[in-house]
Amino acid sequence: MLGALAALAAVVLLAAGGYAFARLVRLAPTARDVLPFLSGGSPAEHAVSRFHVRWYPITMVFLAFDMEMVFMYPWTLVVKEVGTTAVVEMFAFLAVLFAGVWYARREGVFRWT
């Protein structure tokens, strides 16, 4: 019980020390007093403004291909050891992705009108 209390006290002190150090080395007293840097000009809109809805399907397609790369990098390391089955599995994975892109194109995701 005493060891658990000592560990808890150490964690609390470490967290408090981190917050104190961050407060000492911060650049501005408050973030609200500083305007965003935009090549010397004032920003035209707020940084958290809404994006047009047409960007979201494009983003989903990009994320699909980004995840493809996440799976392909480890695949390249084991394809020589596993052999033909690894190649067949990767082509099946790519076929599923291609089917998704084909469906997105058919539904008009890539049309900007």
N, C-alpha and C. Protein backbone atom coordinates (compact mmCIF):
# COMPACT_ATOMS: atom_id res chain seq x y z
N MET A 1 0.83 -1.20 0.00
CA MET A 1 0.00 0.00 0.00
C MET A 1 0.87 1.25 0.00
N LEU A 2 1.94 1.21 0.77
CA LEU A 2 2.84 2.36 0.86
C LEU A 2 3.55 2.59 -0.47
N GLY A 3 3.90 1.50 -1.15
CA GLY A 3 4.56 1.62 -2.45
C GLY A 3 3.64 2.23 -3.50
N ALA A 4 2.36 1.86 -3.45
CA ALA A 4 1.39 2.42 -4.40
C ALA A 4 1.20 3.91 -4.16
N LEU A 5 1.15 4.33 -2.90
CA LEU A 5 1.01 5.75 -2.60
C LEU A 5 2.25 6.52 -3.03
N ALA A 6 3.43 5.93 -2.86
CA ALA A 6 4.66 6.58 -3.30
C ALA A 6 4.69 6.71 -4.82
N ALA A 7 4.24 5.69 -5.53
CA ALA A 7 4.19 5.75 -6.99
C ALA A 7 3.19 6.81 -7.45
N LEU A 8 2.04 6.89 -6.79
CA LEU A 8 1.04 7.90 -7.13
C LEU A 8 1.58 9.30 -6.89
N ALA A 9 2.27 9.48 -5.77
CA ALA A 9 2.87 10.79 -5.46
C ALA A 9 3.93 11.15 -6.50
N ALA A 10 4.71 10.18 -6.94
CA ALA A 10 5.73 10.43 -7.95
C ALA A 10 5.10 10.83 -9.27
N VAL A 11 4.02 10.18 -9.64
CA VAL A 11 3.33 10.51 -10.90
C VAL A 11 2.74 11.91 -10.82
N VAL A 12 2.11 12.25 -9.71
CA VAL A 12 1.52 13.58 -9.55
C VAL A 12 2.61 14.65 -9.58
N LEU A 13 3.72 14.42 -8.91
CA LEU A 13 4.82 15.39 -8.93
C LEU A 13 5.43 15.53 -10.32
N LEU A 14 5.56 14.44 -11.03
CA LEU A 14 6.09 14.49 -12.39
C LEU A 14 5.17 15.28 -13.31
N ALA A 15 3.87 15.05 -13.21
CA ALA A 15 2.92 15.80 -14.02
C ALA A 15 2.93 17.28 -13.66
N ALA A 16 2.95 17.60 -12.38
CA ALA A 16 2.99 19.00 -11.96
C ALA A 16 4.29 19.66 -12.42
N GLY A 17 5.38 18.95 -12.36
CA GLY A 17 6.65 19.48 -12.85
C GLY A 17 6.63 19.75 -14.34
N GLY A 18 5.99 18.87 -15.09
CA GLY A 18 5.86 19.08 -16.53
C GLY A 18 5.04 20.32 -16.84
N TYR A 19 3.92 20.50 -16.14
CA TYR A 19 3.10 21.69 -16.35
C TYR A 19 3.85 22.96 -15.95
N ALA A 20 4.59 22.91 -14.86
CA ALA A 20 5.35 24.08 -14.41
C ALA A 20 6.44 24.43 -15.42
N PHE A 21 7.13 23.43 -15.95
CA PHE A 21 8.17 23.67 -16.95
C PHE A 21 7.58 24.25 -18.22
N ALA A 22 6.44 23.74 -18.66
CA ALA A 22 5.79 24.26 -19.86
C ALA A 22 5.35 25.70 -19.65
N ARG A 23 4.91 26.04 -18.47
CA ARG A 23 4.49 27.41 -18.18
C ARG A 23 5.70 28.35 -18.18
N LEU A 24 6.84 27.87 -17.76
CA LEU A 24 8.04 28.71 -17.72
C LEU A 24 8.59 28.99 -19.12
N VAL A 25 8.49 28.06 -20.03
CA VAL A 25 9.13 28.22 -21.34
C VAL A 25 8.17 28.63 -22.44
N ARG A 26 6.91 28.93 -22.11
CA ARG A 26 5.96 29.32 -23.15
C ARG A 26 6.36 30.68 -23.73
N LEU A 27 5.96 30.90 -24.97
CA LEU A 27 6.35 32.11 -25.67
C LEU A 27 5.43 33.29 -25.38
N ALA A 28 4.14 33.07 -25.43
CA ALA A 28 3.19 34.15 -25.22
C ALA A 28 2.44 33.92 -23.92
N PRO A 29 2.05 35.00 -23.24
CA PRO A 29 1.28 34.81 -22.00
C PRO A 29 -0.03 34.07 -22.24
N THR A 30 -0.71 34.41 -23.30
CA THR A 30 -1.92 33.68 -23.68
C THR A 30 -1.95 33.55 -25.18
N ALA A 31 -2.48 32.48 -25.66
CA ALA A 31 -2.53 32.24 -27.10
C ALA A 31 -3.53 33.15 -27.79
N ARG A 32 -4.47 33.71 -27.06
CA ARG A 32 -5.48 34.59 -27.67
C ARG A 32 -4.89 35.94 -28.07
N ASP A 33 -3.79 36.33 -27.47
CA ASP A 33 -3.20 37.64 -27.77
C ASP A 33 -2.37 37.64 -29.05
N VAL A 34 -2.08 36.47 -29.59
CA VAL A 34 -1.20 36.37 -30.74
C VAL A 34 -2.02 36.03 -31.98
N LEU A 35 -1.86 36.82 -33.04
CA LEU A 35 -2.54 36.53 -34.30
C LEU A 35 -1.77 35.47 -35.08
N PRO A 36 -2.44 34.70 -35.91
CA PRO A 36 -1.73 33.70 -36.70
C PRO A 36 -0.84 34.36 -37.74
N PHE A 37 0.29 33.75 -38.01
CA PHE A 37 1.23 34.29 -38.99
C PHE A 37 0.81 33.88 -40.39
N LEU A 38 0.65 34.85 -41.28
CA LEU A 38 0.25 34.57 -42.65
C LEU A 38 0.99 35.52 -43.57
N SER A 39 2.30 35.38 -43.65
CA SER A 39 3.15 36.21 -44.50
C SER A 39 2.93 37.70 -44.23
N GLY A 40 2.66 38.06 -43.02
CA GLY A 40 2.49 39.45 -42.66
C GLY A 40 1.10 39.99 -42.83
N GLY A 41 0.20 39.24 -43.46
CA GLY A 41 -1.17 39.71 -43.68
C GLY A 41 -2.14 39.14 -42.68
N SER A 42 -3.29 39.76 -42.60
CA SER A 42 -4.33 39.25 -41.72
C SER A 42 -5.05 38.09 -42.39
N PRO A 43 -5.44 37.07 -41.65
CA PRO A 43 -6.14 35.94 -42.27
C PRO A 43 -7.53 36.36 -42.75
N ALA A 44 -7.96 35.78 -43.86
CA ALA A 44 -9.27 36.12 -44.43
C ALA A 44 -10.40 35.44 -43.68
N GLU A 45 -10.13 34.26 -43.10
CA GLU A 45 -11.17 33.54 -42.36
C GLU A 45 -10.53 32.85 -41.18
N HIS A 46 -11.34 32.33 -40.31
CA HIS A 46 -10.86 31.66 -39.11
C HIS A 46 -10.19 30.35 -39.48
N ALA A 47 -9.20 29.95 -38.72
CA ALA A 47 -8.44 28.74 -39.03
C ALA A 47 -9.28 27.47 -38.90
N VAL A 48 -10.35 27.51 -38.14
CA VAL A 48 -11.19 26.34 -37.96
C VAL A 48 -12.48 26.48 -38.77
N SER A 49 -12.41 27.20 -39.88
CA SER A 49 -13.60 27.37 -40.70
C SER A 49 -13.98 26.06 -41.38
N ARG A 50 -15.19 25.98 -41.85
CA ARG A 50 -15.70 24.75 -42.46
C ARG A 50 -15.21 24.62 -43.89
N PHE A 51 -14.96 23.39 -44.28
CA PHE A 51 -14.59 23.09 -45.66
C PHE A 51 -15.85 22.74 -46.43
N HIS A 52 -15.78 22.93 -47.74
CA HIS A 52 -16.92 22.56 -48.57
C HIS A 52 -17.08 21.04 -48.52
N VAL A 53 -18.32 20.58 -48.58
CA VAL A 53 -18.61 19.16 -48.41
C VAL A 53 -18.01 18.31 -49.53
N ARG A 54 -17.72 18.89 -50.68
CA ARG A 54 -17.17 18.10 -51.78
C ARG A 54 -15.77 17.58 -51.49
N TRP A 55 -15.07 18.14 -50.49
CA TRP A 55 -13.74 17.66 -50.16
C TRP A 55 -13.75 16.36 -49.38
N TYR A 56 -14.82 16.04 -48.69
CA TYR A 56 -14.84 14.87 -47.83
C TYR A 56 -14.76 13.55 -48.60
N PRO A 57 -15.48 13.36 -49.71
CA PRO A 57 -15.30 12.11 -50.46
C PRO A 57 -13.89 11.95 -51.02
N ILE A 58 -13.30 13.05 -51.48
CA ILE A 58 -11.93 12.99 -51.97
C ILE A 58 -10.99 12.58 -50.84
N THR A 59 -11.25 13.10 -49.65
CA THR A 59 -10.43 12.74 -48.50
C THR A 59 -10.56 11.26 -48.17
N MET A 60 -11.76 10.71 -48.26
CA MET A 60 -11.95 9.29 -47.99
C MET A 60 -11.21 8.42 -48.99
N VAL A 61 -11.22 8.82 -50.27
CA VAL A 61 -10.48 8.06 -51.29
C VAL A 61 -8.99 8.14 -51.00
N PHE A 62 -8.51 9.33 -50.63
CA PHE A 62 -7.09 9.48 -50.28
C PHE A 62 -6.72 8.59 -49.10
N LEU A 63 -7.57 8.56 -48.08
CA LEU A 63 -7.27 7.72 -46.92
C LEU A 63 -7.25 6.24 -47.28
N ALA A 64 -8.10 5.84 -48.22
CA ALA A 64 -8.08 4.44 -48.66
C ALA A 64 -6.74 4.10 -49.28
N PHE A 65 -6.23 4.98 -50.12
CA PHE A 65 -4.93 4.70 -50.74
C PHE A 65 -3.78 4.88 -49.76
N ASP A 66 -3.96 5.74 -48.79
CA ASP A 66 -2.95 5.87 -47.75
C ASP A 66 -2.86 4.59 -46.93
N MET A 67 -4.01 4.01 -46.62
CA MET A 67 -4.00 2.73 -45.90
C MET A 67 -3.42 1.62 -46.77
N GLU A 68 -3.60 1.73 -48.06
CA GLU A 68 -2.98 0.75 -48.96
C GLU A 68 -1.47 0.77 -48.78
N MET A 69 -0.90 1.95 -48.72
CA MET A 69 0.55 2.05 -48.54
C MET A 69 0.98 1.52 -47.17
N VAL A 70 0.16 1.73 -46.16
CA VAL A 70 0.49 1.22 -44.83
C VAL A 70 0.58 -0.29 -44.85
N PHE A 71 -0.28 -0.95 -45.65
CA PHE A 71 -0.23 -2.41 -45.73
C PHE A 71 0.80 -2.91 -46.73
N MET A 72 1.15 -2.10 -47.71
CA MET A 72 2.09 -2.57 -48.73
C MET A 72 3.54 -2.55 -48.25
N TYR A 73 3.92 -1.62 -47.39
CA TYR A 73 5.30 -1.58 -46.93
C TYR A 73 5.71 -2.85 -46.19
N PRO A 74 4.94 -3.31 -45.20
CA PRO A 74 5.34 -4.58 -44.57
C PRO A 74 5.25 -5.76 -45.53
N TRP A 75 4.33 -5.69 -46.48
CA TRP A 75 4.19 -6.76 -47.46
C TRP A 75 5.46 -6.92 -48.28
N THR A 76 6.09 -5.80 -48.64
CA THR A 76 7.31 -5.88 -49.43
C THR A 76 8.44 -6.58 -48.68
N LEU A 77 8.39 -6.56 -47.36
CA LEU A 77 9.43 -7.21 -46.59
C LEU A 77 9.26 -8.72 -46.51
N VAL A 78 8.02 -9.20 -46.60
CA VAL A 78 7.79 -10.63 -46.43
C VAL A 78 7.42 -11.35 -47.73
N VAL A 79 7.28 -10.63 -48.83
CA VAL A 79 6.81 -11.27 -50.06
C VAL A 79 7.80 -12.32 -50.55
N LYS A 80 9.08 -12.11 -50.34
CA LYS A 80 10.08 -13.08 -50.80
C LYS A 80 10.00 -14.37 -49.97
N GLU A 81 9.74 -14.23 -48.68
CA GLU A 81 9.66 -15.41 -47.81
C GLU A 81 8.37 -16.19 -48.02
N VAL A 82 7.25 -15.48 -48.16
CA VAL A 82 5.95 -16.14 -48.25
C VAL A 82 5.73 -16.71 -49.65
N GLY A 83 6.08 -15.93 -50.67
CA GLY A 83 5.98 -16.44 -52.03
C GLY A 83 4.72 -16.02 -52.75
N THR A 84 4.18 -16.93 -53.55
CA THR A 84 3.07 -16.64 -54.44
C THR A 84 1.80 -16.26 -53.69
N THR A 85 1.57 -16.85 -52.54
CA THR A 85 0.34 -16.53 -51.81
C THR A 85 0.32 -15.06 -51.38
N ALA A 86 1.48 -14.51 -51.04
CA ALA A 86 1.53 -13.09 -50.67
C ALA A 86 1.20 -12.21 -51.87
N VAL A 87 1.66 -12.59 -53.04
CA VAL A 87 1.37 -11.81 -54.24
C VAL A 87 -0.12 -11.88 -54.57
N VAL A 88 -0.70 -13.07 -54.46
CA VAL A 88 -2.13 -13.23 -54.74
C VAL A 88 -2.97 -12.43 -53.75
N GLU A 89 -2.59 -12.47 -52.47
CA GLU A 89 -3.33 -11.71 -51.46
C GLU A 89 -3.23 -10.21 -51.70
N MET A 90 -2.06 -9.73 -52.11
CA MET A 90 -1.92 -8.29 -52.37
C MET A 90 -2.74 -7.87 -53.58
N PHE A 91 -2.78 -8.70 -54.61
CA PHE A 91 -3.59 -8.36 -55.77
C PHE A 91 -5.08 -8.39 -55.43
N ALA A 92 -5.47 -9.28 -54.54
CA ALA A 92 -6.87 -9.29 -54.08
C ALA A 92 -7.19 -8.02 -53.30
N PHE A 93 -6.25 -7.60 -52.47
CA PHE A 93 -6.42 -6.36 -51.71
C PHE A 93 -6.52 -5.16 -52.65
N LEU A 94 -5.66 -5.12 -53.66
CA LEU A 94 -5.70 -4.03 -54.63
C LEU A 94 -6.98 -4.07 -55.45
N ALA A 95 -7.50 -5.26 -55.72
CA ALA A 95 -8.76 -5.37 -56.46
C ALA A 95 -9.91 -4.80 -55.65
N VAL A 96 -9.91 -5.03 -54.35
CA VAL A 96 -10.96 -4.46 -53.50
C VAL A 96 -10.86 -2.93 -53.49
N LEU A 97 -9.64 -2.41 -53.40
CA LEU A 97 -9.47 -0.96 -53.46
C LEU A 97 -9.90 -0.39 -54.80
N PHE A 98 -9.55 -1.07 -55.88
CA PHE A 98 -9.94 -0.61 -57.20
C PHE A 98 -11.46 -0.63 -57.34
N ALA A 99 -12.10 -1.63 -56.78
CA ALA A 99 -13.56 -1.68 -56.82
C ALA A 99 -14.15 -0.48 -56.07
N GLY A 100 -13.54 -0.11 -54.97
CA GLY A 100 -14.00 1.06 -54.23
C GLY A 100 -13.85 2.35 -55.01
N VAL A 101 -12.72 2.50 -55.69
CA VAL A 101 -12.51 3.70 -56.52
C VAL A 101 -13.47 3.70 -57.69
N TRP A 102 -13.72 2.55 -58.29
CA TRP A 102 -14.65 2.45 -59.40
C TRP A 102 -16.06 2.85 -58.94
N TYR A 103 -16.46 2.37 -57.77
CA TYR A 103 -17.76 2.74 -57.23
C TYR A 103 -17.83 4.24 -56.94
N ALA A 104 -16.76 4.80 -56.37
CA ALA A 104 -16.74 6.23 -56.08
C ALA A 104 -16.85 7.05 -57.36
N ARG A 105 -16.16 6.61 -58.39
CA ARG A 105 -16.25 7.34 -59.66
C ARG A 105 -17.65 7.22 -60.26
N ARG A 106 -18.24 6.03 -60.17
CA ARG A 106 -19.59 5.82 -60.69
C ARG A 106 -20.61 6.69 -59.96
N GLU A 107 -20.40 6.89 -58.66
CA GLU A 107 -21.31 7.71 -57.87
C GLU A 107 -21.05 9.20 -58.04
N GLY A 108 -19.97 9.59 -58.74
CA GLY A 108 -19.71 10.99 -59.02
C GLY A 108 -18.90 11.71 -57.98
N VAL A 109 -18.10 10.98 -57.22
CA VAL A 109 -17.28 11.61 -56.20
C VAL A 109 -16.27 12.57 -56.82
N PHE A 110 -15.77 12.25 -57.99
CA PHE A 110 -14.71 13.04 -58.59
C PHE A 110 -15.25 14.17 -59.48
N ARG A 111 -16.57 14.34 -59.58
CA ARG A 111 -17.14 15.45 -60.34
C ARG A 111 -17.26 16.67 -59.44
N TRP A 112 -16.86 17.83 -59.93
CA TRP A 112 -16.82 19.04 -59.11
C TRP A 112 -17.99 19.96 -59.40
N THR A 113 -19.04 19.49 -60.01
CA THR A 113 -20.16 20.36 -60.33
C THR A 113 -21.24 20.29 -59.28
